[in-house]
Amino acid sequence: MVMANAAPASGAEVERALRGDATLDELRRLAAWRMADPSHERIARETERVIRLAWQFRTRDPAAPPSAAAIIARGLLSTQTGLRGRHDR
């Protein structure tokens, strides 16, 4: 069933579908949106292309900067214990 007034798909929905993490309901909504208008299909394909390009540039480097949560936790630990990390010298 094609829904003429299907809600636009978000990049997050398209990414979940590409990863295989979308629910059946999300996949149905995405398919209905894509089928509702030829321009939607073009938008979805372009979004998929951009997402795939972004995936190529995600860092998997173990030397990548730590997350904000890790930095905060390290700071809390050093103030509570008086221990300093290699970056605190």
PDB file of N, CA and C in Angstrom:
ATOM      1  N   MET A   1       0.845  -1.168   0.000  1.00  0.00           N
ATOM      2  CA  MET A   1       0.000   0.000   0.000  1.00  0.00           C
ATOM      3  C   MET A   1       0.893   1.235   0.000  1.00  0.00           C
ATOM      4  N   VAL A   2       0.701   2.118  -0.949  1.00  0.00           N
ATOM      5  CA  VAL A   2       1.458   3.357  -1.027  1.00  0.00           C
ATOM      6  C   VAL A   2       0.681   4.444  -0.317  1.00  0.00           C
ATOM      7  N   MET A   3       1.362   5.146   0.577  1.00  0.00           N
ATOM      8  CA  MET A   3       0.716   6.213   1.320  1.00  0.00           C
ATOM      9  C   MET A   3       1.096   7.530   0.670  1.00  0.00           C
ATOM     10  N   ALA A   4       0.121   8.233   0.136  1.00  0.00           N
ATOM     11  CA  ALA A   4       0.397   9.485  -0.559  1.00  0.00           C
ATOM     12  C   ALA A   4       1.010  10.527   0.360  1.00  0.00           C
ATOM     13  N   ASN A   5       0.641  10.506   1.612  1.00  0.00           N
ATOM     14  CA  ASN A   5       1.157  11.500   2.545  1.00  0.00           C
ATOM     15  C   ASN A   5       2.162  10.881   3.512  1.00  0.00           C
ATOM     16  N   ALA A   6       2.949   9.934   3.011  1.00  0.00           N
ATOM     17  CA  ALA A   6       3.942   9.276   3.865  1.00  0.00           C
ATOM     18  C   ALA A   6       4.922  10.304   4.414  1.00  0.00           C
ATOM     19  N   ALA A   7       5.256  10.168   5.674  1.00  0.00           N
ATOM     20  CA  ALA A   7       6.194  11.082   6.320  1.00  0.00           C
ATOM     21  C   ALA A   7       7.571  10.908   5.706  1.00  0.00           C
ATOM     22  N   PRO A   8       8.326  11.996   5.591  1.00  0.00           N
ATOM     23  CA  PRO A   8       9.660  11.876   5.018  1.00  0.00           C
ATOM     24  C   PRO A   8      10.561  11.010   5.897  1.00  0.00           C
ATOM     25  N   ALA A   9      11.416  10.269   5.240  1.00  0.00           N
ATOM     26  CA  ALA A   9      12.353   9.410   5.964  1.00  0.00           C
ATOM     27  C   ALA A   9      13.506  10.254   6.482  1.00  0.00           C
ATOM     28  N   SER A  10      13.981   9.927   7.652  1.00  0.00           N
ATOM     29  CA  SER A  10      15.144  10.621   8.197  1.00  0.00           C
ATOM     30  C   SER A  10      16.400   9.856   7.799  1.00  0.00           C
ATOM     31  N   GLY A  11      17.534  10.542   7.862  1.00  0.00           N
ATOM     32  CA  GLY A  11      18.800   9.879   7.593  1.00  0.00           C
ATOM     33  C   GLY A  11      19.046   8.739   8.564  1.00  0.00           C
ATOM     34  N   ALA A  12      18.589   8.911   9.801  1.00  0.00           N
ATOM     35  CA  ALA A  12      18.767   7.860  10.806  1.00  0.00           C
ATOM     36  C   ALA A  12      17.991   6.605  10.422  1.00  0.00           C
ATOM     37  N   GLU A  13      16.783   6.796   9.890  1.00  0.00           N
ATOM     38  CA  GLU A  13      15.984   5.639   9.456  1.00  0.00           C
ATOM     39  C   GLU A  13      16.659   4.922   8.297  1.00  0.00           C
ATOM     40  N   VAL A  14      17.169   5.689   7.365  1.00  0.00           N
ATOM     41  CA  VAL A  14      17.857   5.096   6.218  1.00  0.00           C
ATOM     42  C   VAL A  14      19.102   4.354   6.694  1.00  0.00           C
ATOM     43  N   GLU A  15      19.840   4.943   7.615  1.00  0.00           N
ATOM     44  CA  GLU A  15      21.046   4.287   8.123  1.00  0.00           C
ATOM     45  C   GLU A  15      20.712   2.994   8.861  1.00  0.00           C
ATOM     46  N   ARG A  16      19.668   3.012   9.693  1.00  0.00           N
ATOM     47  CA  ARG A  16      19.265   1.779  10.387  1.00  0.00           C
ATOM     48  C   ARG A  16      18.906   0.691   9.382  1.00  0.00           C
ATOM     49  N   ALA A  17      18.215   1.064   8.313  1.00  0.00           N
ATOM     50  CA  ALA A  17      17.851   0.085   7.282  1.00  0.00           C
ATOM     51  C   ALA A  17      19.106  -0.470   6.611  1.00  0.00           C
ATOM     52  N   LEU A  18      20.062   0.387   6.300  1.00  0.00           N
ATOM     53  CA  LEU A  18      21.305  -0.063   5.674  1.00  0.00           C
ATOM     54  C   LEU A  18      22.092  -1.005   6.588  1.00  0.00           C
ATOM     55  N   ARG A  19      22.095  -0.710   7.883  1.00  0.00           N
ATOM     56  CA  ARG A  19      22.816  -1.553   8.849  1.00  0.00           C
ATOM     57  C   ARG A  19      22.091  -2.854   9.125  1.00  0.00           C
ATOM     58  N   GLY A  20      20.807  -2.917   8.760  1.00  0.00           N
ATOM     59  CA  GLY A  20      20.012  -4.096   9.091  1.00  0.00           C
ATOM     60  C   GLY A  20      19.417  -4.023  10.481  1.00  0.00           C
ATOM     61  N   ASP A  21      19.388  -2.828  11.059  1.00  0.00           N
ATOM     62  CA  ASP A  21      18.887  -2.642  12.422  1.00  0.00           C
ATOM     63  C   ASP A  21      17.473  -2.078  12.473  1.00  0.00           C
ATOM     64  N   ALA A  22      16.868  -1.800  11.322  1.00  0.00           N
ATOM     65  CA  ALA A  22      15.521  -1.212  11.300  1.00  0.00           C
ATOM     66  C   ALA A  22      14.480  -2.268  11.661  1.00  0.00           C
ATOM     67  N   THR A  23      13.441  -1.827  12.333  1.00  0.00           N
ATOM     68  CA  THR A  23      12.333  -2.720  12.646  1.00  0.00           C
ATOM     69  C   THR A  23      11.507  -2.938  11.380  1.00  0.00           C
ATOM     70  N   LEU A  24      10.657  -3.940  11.411  1.00  0.00           N
ATOM     71  CA  LEU A  24       9.785  -4.211  10.273  1.00  0.00           C
ATOM     72  C   LEU A  24       8.894  -3.008   9.993  1.00  0.00           C
ATOM     73  N   ASP A  25       8.398  -2.369  11.045  1.00  0.00           N
ATOM     74  CA  ASP A  25       7.557  -1.180  10.882  1.00  0.00           C
ATOM     75  C   ASP A  25       8.345  -0.039  10.228  1.00  0.00           C
ATOM     76  N   GLU A  26       9.591   0.162  10.648  1.00  0.00           N
ATOM     77  CA  GLU A  26      10.423   1.202  10.043  1.00  0.00           C
ATOM     78  C   GLU A  26      10.676   0.910   8.569  1.00  0.00           C
ATOM     79  N   LEU A  27      10.944  -0.348   8.257  1.00  0.00           N
ATOM     80  CA  LEU A  27      11.180  -0.725   6.860  1.00  0.00           C
ATOM     81  C   LEU A  27       9.941  -0.488   6.012  1.00  0.00           C
ATOM     82  N   ARG A  28       8.780  -0.789   6.567  1.00  0.00           N
ATOM     83  CA  ARG A  28       7.527  -0.562   5.840  1.00  0.00           C
ATOM     84  C   ARG A  28       7.302   0.930   5.586  1.00  0.00           C
ATOM     85  N   ARG A  29       7.541   1.756   6.627  1.00  0.00           N
ATOM     86  CA  ARG A  29       7.372   3.205   6.465  1.00  0.00           C
ATOM     87  C   ARG A  29       8.347   3.761   5.436  1.00  0.00           C
ATOM     88  N   LEU A  30       9.587   3.291   5.488  1.00  0.00           N
ATOM     89  CA  LEU A  30      10.598   3.751   4.544  1.00  0.00           C
ATOM     90  C   LEU A  30      10.214   3.352   3.117  1.00  0.00           C
ATOM     91  N   ALA A  31       9.752   2.123   2.942  1.00  0.00           N
ATOM     92  CA  ALA A  31       9.337   1.665   1.610  1.00  0.00           C
ATOM     93  C   ALA A  31       8.139   2.469   1.108  1.00  0.00           C
ATOM     94  N   ALA A  32       7.187   2.746   1.972  1.00  0.00           N
ATOM     95  CA  ALA A  32       6.013   3.527   1.569  1.00  0.00           C
ATOM     96  C   ALA A  32       6.420   4.935   1.167  1.00  0.00           C
ATOM     97  N   TRP A  33       7.333   5.536   1.914  1.00  0.00           N
ATOM     98  CA  TRP A  33       7.797   6.879   1.592  1.00  0.00           C
ATOM     99  C   TRP A  33       8.524   6.885   0.246  1.00  0.00           C
ATOM    100  N   ARG A  34       9.375   5.882   0.034  1.00  0.00           N
ATOM    101  CA  ARG A  34      10.128   5.823  -1.218  1.00  0.00           C
ATOM    102  C   ARG A  34       9.199   5.653  -2.420  1.00  0.00           C
ATOM    103  N   MET A  35       8.162   4.883  -2.254  1.00  0.00           N
ATOM    104  CA  MET A  35       7.243   4.601  -3.358  1.00  0.00           C
ATOM    105  C   MET A  35       6.238   5.727  -3.587  1.00  0.00           C
ATOM    106  N   ALA A  36       6.088   6.619  -2.633  1.00  0.00           N
ATOM    107  CA  ALA A  36       5.076   7.672  -2.731  1.00  0.00           C
ATOM    108  C   ALA A  36       5.396   8.688  -3.825  1.00  0.00           C
ATOM    109  N   ASP A  37       6.676   8.854  -4.159  1.00  0.00           N
ATOM    110  CA  ASP A  37       7.036   9.870  -5.147  1.00  0.00           C
ATOM    111  C   ASP A  37       8.427   9.522  -5.689  1.00  0.00           C
ATOM    112  N   PRO A  38       8.643   9.644  -6.988  1.00  0.00           N
ATOM    113  CA  PRO A  38       9.964   9.337  -7.547  1.00  0.00           C
ATOM    114  C   PRO A  38      11.095  10.171  -6.914  1.00  0.00           C
ATOM    115  N   SER A  39      10.786  11.388  -6.507  1.00  0.00           N
ATOM    116  CA  SER A  39      11.833  12.205  -5.880  1.00  0.00           C
ATOM    117  C   SER A  39      12.260  11.620  -4.534  1.00  0.00           C
ATOM    118  N   HIS A  40      11.362  10.936  -3.855  1.00  0.00           N
ATOM    119  CA  HIS A  40      11.720  10.312  -2.575  1.00  0.00           C
ATOM    120  C   HIS A  40      12.756   9.214  -2.797  1.00  0.00           C
ATOM    121  N   GLU A  41      12.584   8.447  -3.858  1.00  0.00           N
ATOM    122  CA  GLU A  41      13.549   7.386  -4.162  1.00  0.00           C
ATOM    123  C   GLU A  41      14.922   7.993  -4.441  1.00  0.00           C
ATOM    124  N   ARG A  42      14.965   9.084  -5.178  1.00  0.00           N
ATOM    125  CA  ARG A  42      16.245   9.753  -5.452  1.00  0.00           C
ATOM    126  C   ARG A  42      16.880  10.255  -4.156  1.00  0.00           C
ATOM    127  N   ILE A  43      16.073  10.835  -3.301  1.00  0.00           N
ATOM    128  CA  ILE A  43      16.580  11.335  -2.014  1.00  0.00           C
ATOM    129  C   ILE A  43      17.130  10.176  -1.181  1.00  0.00           C
ATOM    130  N   ALA A  44      16.391   9.075  -1.145  1.00  0.00           N
ATOM    131  CA  ALA A  44      16.829   7.912  -0.361  1.00  0.00           C
ATOM    132  C   ALA A  44      18.147   7.361  -0.898  1.00  0.00           C
ATOM    133  N   ARG A  45      18.275   7.251  -2.209  1.00  0.00           N
ATOM    134  CA  ARG A  45      19.520   6.736  -2.806  1.00  0.00           C
ATOM    135  C   ARG A  45      20.699   7.668  -2.519  1.00  0.00           C
ATOM    136  N   GLU A  46      20.468   8.961  -2.591  1.00  0.00           N
ATOM    137  CA  GLU A  46      21.534   9.923  -2.288  1.00  0.00           C
ATOM    138  C   GLU A  46      21.909   9.852  -0.804  1.00  0.00           C
ATOM    139  N   THR A  47      20.918   9.711   0.050  1.00  0.00           N
ATOM    140  CA  THR A  47      21.184   9.573   1.488  1.00  0.00           C
ATOM    141  C   THR A  47      21.994   8.312   1.756  1.00  0.00           C
ATOM    142  N   GLU A  48      21.632   7.213   1.109  1.00  0.00           N
ATOM    143  CA  GLU A  48      22.385   5.962   1.256  1.00  0.00           C
ATOM    144  C   GLU A  48      23.834   6.150   0.803  1.00  0.00           C
ATOM    145  N   ARG A  49      24.021   6.851  -0.311  1.00  0.00           N
ATOM    146  CA  ARG A  49      25.367   7.079  -0.837  1.00  0.00           C
ATOM    147  C   ARG A  49      26.202   7.875   0.164  1.00  0.00           C
ATOM    148  N   VAL A  50      25.623   8.922   0.729  1.00  0.00           N
ATOM    149  CA  VAL A  50      26.342   9.754   1.697  1.00  0.00           C
ATOM    150  C   VAL A  50      26.668   8.954   2.961  1.00  0.00           C
ATOM    151  N   ILE A  51      25.724   8.151   3.413  1.00  0.00           N
ATOM    152  CA  ILE A  51      25.958   7.336   4.614  1.00  0.00           C
ATOM    153  C   ILE A  51      27.092   6.352   4.371  1.00  0.00           C
ATOM    154  N   ARG A  52      27.084   5.705   3.222  1.00  0.00           N
ATOM    155  CA  ARG A  52      28.164   4.745   2.913  1.00  0.00           C
ATOM    156  C   ARG A  52      29.522   5.448   2.853  1.00  0.00           C
ATOM    157  N   LEU A  53      29.554   6.647   2.281  1.00  0.00           N
ATOM    158  CA  LEU A  53      30.809   7.414   2.263  1.00  0.00           C
ATOM    159  C   LEU A  53      31.259   7.754   3.679  1.00  0.00           C
ATOM    160  N   ALA A  54      30.317   8.161   4.510  1.00  0.00           N
ATOM    161  CA  ALA A  54      30.653   8.485   5.905  1.00  0.00           C
ATOM    162  C   ALA A  54      31.207   7.270   6.631  1.00  0.00           C
ATOM    163  N   TRP A  55      30.646   6.106   6.355  1.00  0.00           N
ATOM    164  CA  TRP A  55      31.141   4.881   6.990  1.00  0.00           C
ATOM    165  C   TRP A  55      32.602   4.628   6.634  1.00  0.00           C
ATOM    166  N   GLN A  56      33.000   4.995   5.431  1.00  0.00           N
ATOM    167  CA  GLN A  56      34.386   4.777   5.021  1.00  0.00           C
ATOM    168  C   GLN A  56      35.360   5.613   5.831  1.00  0.00           C
ATOM    169  N   PHE A  57      34.892   6.735   6.364  1.00  0.00           N
ATOM    170  CA  PHE A  57      35.770   7.648   7.079  1.00  0.00           C
ATOM    171  C   PHE A  57      35.654   7.555   8.594  1.00  0.00           C
ATOM    172  N   ARG A  58      34.820   6.634   9.075  1.00  0.00           N
ATOM    173  CA  ARG A  58      34.754   6.460  10.527  1.00  0.00           C
ATOM    174  C   ARG A  58      36.089   5.967  11.022  1.00  0.00           C
ATOM    175  N   THR A  59      36.505   6.475  12.141  1.00  0.00           N
ATOM    176  CA  THR A  59      37.798   6.070  12.676  1.00  0.00           C
ATOM    177  C   THR A  59      37.669   4.751  13.432  1.00  0.00           C
ATOM    178  N   ARG A  60      38.581   3.875  13.156  1.00  0.00           N
ATOM    179  CA  ARG A  60      38.693   2.622  13.902  1.00  0.00           C
ATOM    180  C   ARG A  60      40.091   2.557  14.530  1.00  0.00           C
ATOM    181  N   ASP A  61      40.765   3.704  14.502  1.00  0.00           N
ATOM    182  CA  ASP A  61      42.109   3.812  15.007  1.00  0.00           C
ATOM    183  C   ASP A  61      42.107   3.702  16.529  1.00  0.00           C
ATOM    184  N   PRO A  62      42.838   2.741  17.072  1.00  0.00           N
ATOM    185  CA  PRO A  62      42.869   2.621  18.535  1.00  0.00           C
ATOM    186  C   PRO A  62      43.468   3.844  19.215  1.00  0.00           C
ATOM    187  N   ALA A  63      44.207   4.655  18.471  1.00  0.00           N
ATOM    188  CA  ALA A  63      44.790   5.870  19.050  1.00  0.00           C
ATOM    189  C   ALA A  63      43.853   7.062  18.897  1.00  0.00           C
ATOM    190  N   ALA A  64      42.609   6.808  18.494  1.00  0.00           N
ATOM    191  CA  ALA A  64      41.636   7.890  18.320  1.00  0.00           C
ATOM    192  C   ALA A  64      41.388   8.565  19.669  1.00  0.00           C
ATOM    193  N   PRO A  65      40.997   9.821  19.641  1.00  0.00           N
ATOM    194  CA  PRO A  65      40.755  10.538  20.897  1.00  0.00           C
ATOM    195  C   PRO A  65      39.689   9.830  21.751  1.00  0.00           C
ATOM    196  N   PRO A  66      39.833   9.895  23.069  1.00  0.00           N
ATOM    197  CA  PRO A  66      38.837   9.282  23.946  1.00  0.00           C
ATOM    198  C   PRO A  66      37.517  10.052  23.904  1.00  0.00           C
ATOM    199  N   SER A  67      36.467   9.384  24.311  1.00  0.00           N
ATOM    200  CA  SER A  67      35.157  10.034  24.357  1.00  0.00           C
ATOM    201  C   SER A  67      35.134  11.060  25.486  1.00  0.00           C
ATOM    202  N   ALA A  68      34.155  11.944  25.428  1.00  0.00           N
ATOM    203  CA  ALA A  68      34.001  12.946  26.485  1.00  0.00           C
ATOM    204  C   ALA A  68      33.774  12.266  27.834  1.00  0.00           C
ATOM    205  N   ALA A  69      32.988  11.194  27.832  1.00  0.00           N
ATOM    206  CA  ALA A  69      32.719  10.471  29.090  1.00  0.00           C
ATOM    207  C   ALA A  69      34.010   9.906  29.678  1.00  0.00           C
ATOM    208  N   ALA A  70      34.896   9.392  28.821  1.00  0.00           N
ATOM    209  CA  ALA A  70      36.159   8.840  29.308  1.00  0.00           C
ATOM    210  C   ALA A  70      37.043   9.935  29.899  1.00  0.00           C
ATOM    211  N   ILE A  71      37.055  11.093  29.264  1.00  0.00           N
ATOM    212  CA  ILE A  71      37.852  12.215  29.766  1.00  0.00           C
ATOM    213  C   ILE A  71      37.331  12.680  31.120  1.00  0.00           C
ATOM    214  N   ILE A  72      36.021  12.789  31.239  1.00  0.00           N
ATOM    215  CA  ILE A  72      35.417  13.215  32.513  1.00  0.00           C
ATOM    216  C   ILE A  72      35.701  12.193  33.605  1.00  0.00           C
ATOM    217  N   ALA A  73      35.536  10.920  33.280  1.00  0.00           N
ATOM    218  CA  ALA A  73      35.787   9.867  34.268  1.00  0.00           C
ATOM    219  C   ALA A  73      37.245   9.896  34.712  1.00  0.00           C
ATOM    220  N   ARG A  74      38.156  10.103  33.782  1.00  0.00           N
ATOM    221  CA  ARG A  74      39.575  10.173  34.115  1.00  0.00           C
ATOM    222  C   ARG A  74      39.846  11.359  35.037  1.00  0.00           C
ATOM    223  N   GLY A  75      39.205  12.480  34.747  1.00  0.00           N
ATOM    224  CA  GLY A  75      39.384  13.655  35.585  1.00  0.00           C
ATOM    225  C   GLY A  75      38.842  13.437  36.987  1.00  0.00           C
ATOM    226  N   LEU A  76      37.675  12.822  37.080  1.00  0.00           N
ATOM    227  CA  LEU A  76      37.100  12.541  38.392  1.00  0.00           C
ATOM    228  C   LEU A  76      37.978  11.595  39.185  1.00  0.00           C
ATOM    229  N   LEU A  77      38.501  10.573  38.526  1.00  0.00           N
ATOM    230  CA  LEU A  77      39.360   9.600  39.200  1.00  0.00           C
ATOM    231  C   LEU A  77      40.627  10.272  39.717  1.00  0.00           C
ATOM    232  N   SER A  78      41.217  11.118  38.894  1.00  0.00           N
ATOM    233  CA  SER A  78      42.473  11.749  39.329  1.00  0.00           C
ATOM    234  C   SER A  78      42.245  12.720  40.487  1.00  0.00           C
ATOM    235  N   THR A  79      41.112  13.415  40.524  1.00  0.00           N
ATOM    236  CA  THR A  79      40.861  14.335  41.633  1.00  0.00           C
ATOM    237  C   THR A  79      40.512  13.583  42.908  1.00  0.00           C
ATOM    238  N   GLN A  80      39.912  12.417  42.777  1.00  0.00           N
ATOM    239  CA  GLN A  80      39.527  11.632  43.956  1.00  0.00           C
ATOM    240  C   GLN A  80      40.711  10.867  44.524  1.00  0.00           C
ATOM    241  N   THR A  81      41.607  10.407  43.665  1.00  0.00           N
ATOM    242  CA  THR A  81      42.704   9.556  44.131  1.00  0.00           C
ATOM    243  C   THR A  81      44.043  10.267  44.195  1.00  0.00           C
ATOM    244  N   GLY A  82      44.133  11.425  43.547  1.00  0.00           N
ATOM    245  CA  GLY A  82      45.417  12.114  43.491  1.00  0.00           C
ATOM    246  C   GLY A  82      46.338  11.525  42.440  1.00  0.00           C
ATOM    247  N   LEU A  83      45.877  10.477  41.739  1.00  0.00           N
ATOM    248  CA  LEU A  83      46.678   9.871  40.685  1.00  0.00           C
ATOM    249  C   LEU A  83      46.567  10.702  39.427  1.00  0.00           C
ATOM    250  N   ARG A  84      47.662  10.749  38.696  1.00  0.00           N
ATOM    251  CA  ARG A  84      47.633  11.502  37.458  1.00  0.00           C
ATOM    252  C   ARG A  84      47.911  10.556  36.303  1.00  0.00           C
ATOM    253  N   GLY A  85      47.240  10.818  35.188  1.00  0.00           N
ATOM    254  CA  GLY A  85      47.462  10.027  33.987  1.00  0.00           C
ATOM    255  C   GLY A  85      48.630  10.571  33.194  1.00  0.00           C
ATOM    256  N   ARG A  86      48.992   9.918  32.114  1.00  0.00           N
ATOM    257  CA  ARG A  86      50.146  10.331  31.315  1.00  0.00           C
ATOM    258  C   ARG A  86      49.945  11.716  30.696  1.00  0.00           C
ATOM    259  N   HIS A  87      48.697  12.147  30.517  1.00  0.00           N
ATOM    260  CA  HIS A  87      48.420  13.453  29.923  1.00  0.00           C
ATOM    261  C   HIS A  87      48.359  14.565  30.973  1.00  0.00           C
ATOM    262  N   ASP A  88      48.425  14.210  32.257  1.00  0.00           N
ATOM    263  CA  ASP A  88      48.289  15.193  33.327  1.00  0.00           C
ATOM    264  C   ASP A  88      49.625  15.703  33.814  1.00  0.00           C
ATOM    265  N   ARG A  89      50.700  15.309  33.198  1.00  0.00           N
ATOM    266  CA  ARG A  89      52.047  15.655  33.704  1.00  0.00           C
ATOM    267  C   ARG A  89      52.470  17.007  33.260  1.00  0.00           C
TER     268      ARG A  89
END
